[in-house]
Amino acid sequence: MWKRLLAVVVGLAVLISLLYYDQARRAPLKVSGFIEADEIRLGSRVGGRVAKVEEACKEGRKVSAGELLISLEEFDLGARRLRRKPIWRPSAPRGTD
């Protein structure tokens, strides 16, 4: 009877220590396969219309962080500000003529 109880306790201790070892190790998990996405959302810090989609953005290509995917059209208000005539021009300091 005692031998059977001791065998059960030792067996449980071995199982619990194997479970703890399996959960505590920090080895990276390696799997093979494909990741598919139905919808991807891109965002930018400024709004605007898309002017050009770069070659790196084609389906099936790998991209890395910071890689240019799209180019935005020039922001309209900034272009208008550069094209307009200045309303006020600073005058030359007096006595420099």
Protein backbone atom coordinates (compact mmCIF):
# COMPACT_ATOMS: atom_id res chain seq x y z
CA MET A 1 0.00 0.00 0.00
CA TRP A 2 2.75 2.45 0.96
CA LYS A 3 4.75 1.58 -2.12
CA ARG A 4 1.78 2.30 -4.36
CA LEU A 5 1.11 5.64 -2.63
CA LEU A 6 4.78 6.58 -2.90
CA ALA A 7 4.78 5.71 -6.62
CA VAL A 8 1.71 7.91 -7.22
CA VAL A 9 3.24 10.84 -5.32
CA VAL A 10 6.55 10.52 -7.20
CA GLY A 11 4.67 10.26 -10.52
CA LEU A 12 2.63 13.38 -9.75
CA ALA A 13 5.79 15.26 -8.72
CA VAL A 14 7.46 14.31 -12.02
CA LEU A 15 4.43 15.39 -14.04
CA ILE A 16 4.13 18.72 -12.20
CA SER A 17 7.85 19.47 -12.63
CA LEU A 18 7.68 18.64 -16.36
CA LEU A 19 4.68 20.93 -16.75
CA TYR A 20 6.48 23.72 -14.88
CA TYR A 21 9.62 23.29 -17.01
CA ASP A 22 7.59 23.41 -20.23
CA GLN A 23 5.79 26.61 -19.19
CA ALA A 24 8.86 28.35 -17.72
CA ARG A 25 11.27 28.04 -20.67
CA ARG A 26 11.50 31.06 -22.95
CA ALA A 27 12.43 29.40 -26.24
CA PRO A 28 10.90 31.10 -29.28
CA LEU A 29 7.97 29.36 -30.85
CA LYS A 30 8.72 28.38 -34.44
CA VAL A 31 5.93 27.46 -36.80
CA SER A 32 5.57 27.35 -40.55
CA GLY A 33 2.66 28.53 -42.62
CA PHE A 34 1.09 31.55 -44.23
CA ILE A 35 -0.55 34.63 -42.75
CA GLU A 36 -3.41 36.03 -44.76
CA ALA A 37 -5.28 39.25 -44.14
CA ASP A 38 -8.53 40.30 -45.74
CA GLU A 39 -8.26 43.95 -44.78
CA ILE A 40 -5.28 46.12 -43.92
CA ARG A 41 -5.62 49.69 -42.69
CA LEU A 42 -2.88 52.22 -43.28
CA GLY A 43 -2.64 55.56 -41.58
CA SER A 44 -0.56 58.70 -41.89
CA ARG A 45 0.25 61.61 -39.65
CA VAL A 46 -1.28 64.05 -42.13
CA GLY A 47 -4.35 63.73 -44.31
CA GLY A 48 -4.37 63.90 -48.06
CA ARG A 49 -5.02 62.12 -51.31
CA VAL A 50 -2.86 59.27 -52.52
CA ALA A 51 -0.68 60.42 -55.43
CA LYS A 52 1.33 57.24 -56.05
CA VAL A 53 1.41 53.65 -54.79
CA GLU A 54 5.03 52.49 -54.61
CA GLU A 55 6.31 49.19 -56.02
CA ALA A 56 6.95 47.81 -52.53
CA CYS A 57 3.21 47.93 -51.86
CA LYS A 58 2.32 45.27 -54.44
CA GLU A 59 0.59 42.08 -53.32
CA GLY A 60 2.86 39.37 -51.98
CA ARG A 61 5.91 41.58 -51.40
CA LYS A 62 7.60 41.85 -48.01
CA VAL A 63 7.92 45.31 -46.49
CA SER A 64 9.89 46.54 -43.52
CA ALA A 65 9.25 49.26 -40.97
CA GLY A 66 9.81 52.76 -42.33
CA GLU A 67 9.63 51.71 -45.98
CA LEU A 68 7.78 54.10 -48.32
CA LEU A 69 4.48 52.55 -49.45
CA ILE A 70 2.47 55.48 -50.80
CA SER A 71 3.08 59.13 -51.69
CA LEU A 72 0.49 61.76 -50.84
CA GLU A 73 -0.46 64.73 -53.01
CA GLU A 74 0.87 68.11 -51.96
CA PHE A 75 -1.25 69.65 -49.22
CA ASP A 76 -3.47 72.22 -50.92
CA LEU A 77 -3.33 75.01 -48.33
CA GLY A 78 0.46 74.95 -48.19
CA ALA A 79 0.67 75.26 -51.98
CA ARG A 80 -1.79 78.16 -51.99
CA ARG A 81 0.20 79.98 -49.33
CA LEU A 82 3.38 79.71 -51.40
CA ARG A 83 1.66 80.94 -54.60
CA ARG A 84 -0.06 84.02 -53.22
CA LYS A 85 1.54 87.45 -53.11
CA PRO A 86 2.56 88.67 -49.69
CA ILE A 87 0.24 91.34 -48.32
CA TRP A 88 2.87 92.91 -46.12
CA ARG A 89 6.58 93.16 -46.77
CA PRO A 90 9.03 94.15 -44.09
CA SER A 91 10.76 97.40 -44.95
CA ALA A 92 14.51 97.89 -44.87
CA PRO A 93 15.89 99.30 -41.64
CA ARG A 94 16.24 103.07 -41.63
CA GLY A 95 19.61 104.52 -42.44
CA THR A 96 20.83 101.59 -44.53
CA ASP A 97 20.22 103.33 -47.89
